[in-house]
């Protein structure tokens, strides 16, 4: 009967107060959103500069010579946000290191450690989208604008 006492009941995320919800969500969604925004904005800028009408151009539109530099700046900003989000995910994961027990089956059955779970996924998605953004940045250097 001791397990039915209110003292024996533990919250599924006992370390949820150590990390703000905004830090948890930024770590999880910051890098994918930065990558998606970078992809959409770069596609729109480069496609309009090189394909403004029915036929593609061999060079950017007059007055659109700034597009390559703009693409580079957007990529570097997206890289910075992705790196920041990966770091926030890693920091969240380190803060919640004691949230789960050593038994791997107990947390799965009870839902324990969800703050740590989201922190881990934030760190992993941040690193994955950091790599994706880095490849997009390499493409800015390796491919011609038009």
Protein backbone atom coordinates (compact mmCIF):
# COMPACT_ATOMS: atom_id res chain seq x y z
CA UNK A 1 0.00 0.00 0.00
CA UNK A 2 2.98 2.29 0.32
CA UNK A 3 3.11 2.68 -3.46
CA UNK A 4 -0.42 4.17 -3.43
CA UNK A 5 0.59 7.07 -1.21
CA UNK A 6 0.79 10.53 -2.78
CA UNK A 7 4.52 10.67 -2.03
CA UNK A 8 5.19 7.66 -4.28
CA UNK A 9 3.65 9.26 -7.36
CA UNK A 10 6.22 10.99 -9.54
CA UNK A 11 5.53 13.46 -12.34
CA UNK A 12 6.40 12.10 -15.82
CA UNK A 13 8.87 14.97 -16.36
CA UNK A 14 10.38 15.70 -12.94
CA UNK A 15 12.96 18.14 -14.35
CA UNK A 16 10.52 20.16 -16.45
CA UNK A 17 11.08 23.22 -14.26
CA UNK A 18 14.79 23.34 -15.10
CA UNK A 19 14.15 24.19 -18.76
CA UNK A 20 11.74 26.78 -20.08
CA UNK A 21 9.19 25.66 -22.63
CA UNK A 22 10.55 28.20 -25.12
CA UNK A 23 14.08 26.75 -24.80
CA UNK A 24 12.69 23.25 -25.28
CA UNK A 25 10.74 24.24 -28.41
CA UNK A 26 13.56 26.37 -29.84
CA UNK A 27 15.95 23.46 -29.47
CA UNK A 28 13.46 21.19 -31.21
CA UNK A 29 12.12 23.48 -33.96
CA UNK A 30 14.70 26.27 -34.42
CA UNK A 31 16.95 24.49 -36.90
CA UNK A 32 14.20 22.95 -39.09
CA UNK A 33 12.40 26.29 -39.31
CA UNK A 34 15.62 28.14 -40.17
CA UNK A 35 16.43 25.58 -42.86
CA UNK A 36 12.91 25.71 -44.32
CA UNK A 37 12.83 29.50 -44.35
CA UNK A 38 16.31 29.62 -45.90
CA UNK A 39 15.25 27.15 -48.58
CA UNK A 40 12.05 28.99 -49.51
CA UNK A 41 13.54 32.50 -49.50
CA UNK A 42 16.65 31.46 -51.45
CA UNK A 43 14.56 29.61 -54.00
CA UNK A 44 12.29 32.61 -54.50
CA UNK A 45 15.15 35.10 -54.84
CA UNK A 46 17.32 33.03 -57.17
CA UNK A 47 14.44 31.85 -59.35
CA UNK A 48 13.08 35.37 -59.85
CA UNK A 49 16.54 36.77 -60.61
CA UNK A 50 17.20 34.10 -63.25
CA UNK A 51 13.74 33.07 -64.48
CA UNK A 52 11.44 36.10 -64.19
CA UNK A 53 9.23 35.24 -67.18
CA UNK A 54 8.72 32.40 -69.65
CA UNK A 55 12.37 31.93 -70.58
CA UNK A 56 15.37 31.44 -68.32
CA UNK A 57 18.16 34.02 -68.36
CA UNK A 58 21.88 33.34 -68.60
CA UNK A 59 22.60 36.17 -66.14
CA UNK A 60 20.64 37.78 -63.31
CA UNK A 61 18.18 40.56 -64.05
CA UNK A 62 19.65 44.06 -64.19
CA UNK A 63 19.75 45.44 -60.67
CA UNK A 64 19.66 41.95 -59.15
CA UNK A 65 23.42 41.51 -58.89
CA UNK A 66 23.11 41.52 -55.09
CA UNK A 67 21.26 38.20 -55.10
CA UNK A 68 24.36 35.99 -54.69
CA UNK A 69 25.48 37.99 -51.65
CA UNK A 70 21.93 37.91 -50.28
CA UNK A 71 21.78 34.12 -50.67
CA UNK A 72 25.07 33.81 -48.82
CA UNK A 73 23.91 36.03 -45.95
CA UNK A 74 20.63 34.10 -45.63
CA UNK A 75 22.56 30.80 -45.54
CA UNK A 76 24.98 32.07 -42.92
CA UNK A 77 22.09 33.30 -40.75
CA UNK A 78 20.36 29.92 -41.11
CA UNK A 79 23.62 28.17 -40.16
CA UNK A 80 23.92 30.36 -37.06
CA UNK A 81 20.32 29.65 -35.99
CA UNK A 82 20.75 25.90 -36.60
CA UNK A 83 23.98 25.83 -34.59
CA UNK A 84 22.34 27.81 -31.80
CA UNK A 85 19.33 25.46 -31.74
CA UNK A 86 21.62 22.41 -31.66
CA UNK A 87 23.54 23.95 -28.77
CA UNK A 88 20.29 24.73 -26.90
CA UNK A 89 19.16 21.11 -27.42
CA UNK A 90 22.50 19.86 -26.12
CA UNK A 91 22.34 22.20 -23.11
CA UNK A 92 18.77 21.07 -22.35
CA UNK A 93 19.86 17.45 -22.63
CA UNK A 94 22.74 18.03 -20.19
CA UNK A 95 20.48 19.82 -17.70
CA UNK A 96 18.02 16.92 -17.63
CA UNK A 97 20.57 14.10 -17.47
CA UNK A 98 19.18 12.76 -14.15
CA UNK A 99 15.57 12.75 -15.32
CA UNK A 100 15.45 9.07 -16.29
CA UNK A 101 16.27 5.94 -14.34
CA UNK A 102 18.92 3.45 -15.35
CA UNK A 103 16.24 0.91 -16.34
CA UNK A 104 15.42 1.59 -20.03
CA UNK A 105 12.01 -0.11 -19.89
CA UNK A 106 10.58 1.77 -16.91
CA UNK A 107 10.63 5.23 -18.54
CA UNK A 108 9.05 3.85 -21.73
CA UNK A 109 6.18 2.28 -19.83
CA UNK A 110 5.47 5.29 -17.61
CA UNK A 111 6.38 8.19 -19.91
CA UNK A 112 9.19 9.32 -17.62
CA UNK A 113 11.83 11.59 -19.06
CA UNK A 114 9.85 13.45 -21.70
CA UNK A 115 11.80 16.69 -21.17
CA UNK A 116 15.00 14.75 -21.77
CA UNK A 117 13.42 13.03 -24.78
CA UNK A 118 12.50 16.36 -26.38
CA UNK A 119 15.94 17.74 -25.53
CA UNK A 120 17.62 14.79 -27.20
CA UNK A 121 15.49 15.18 -30.31
CA UNK A 122 16.19 18.91 -30.31
CA UNK A 123 19.91 18.24 -30.27
CA UNK A 124 19.62 15.63 -33.03
CA UNK A 125 17.36 17.72 -35.28
CA UNK A 126 19.58 20.74 -34.75
CA UNK A 127 22.65 18.81 -35.86
CA UNK A 128 20.82 17.22 -38.81
CA UNK A 129 19.46 20.49 -40.11
CA UNK A 130 22.81 22.18 -39.47
CA UNK A 131 24.34 19.65 -41.87
CA UNK A 132 21.52 20.21 -44.40
CA UNK A 133 22.00 23.98 -44.23
CA UNK A 134 25.77 23.55 -44.62
CA UNK A 135 25.20 21.57 -47.84
CA UNK A 136 22.88 24.31 -49.09
CA UNK A 137 25.59 26.85 -48.30
CA UNK A 138 28.17 24.83 -50.25
CA UNK A 139 25.76 24.87 -53.21
CA UNK A 140 25.77 28.69 -53.18
CA UNK A 141 29.53 28.57 -53.76
CA UNK A 142 29.54 25.60 -56.13
CA UNK A 143 26.69 26.40 -58.50
CA UNK A 144 26.27 29.39 -60.78
CA UNK A 145 23.45 31.77 -59.92
CA UNK A 146 21.77 31.32 -63.32
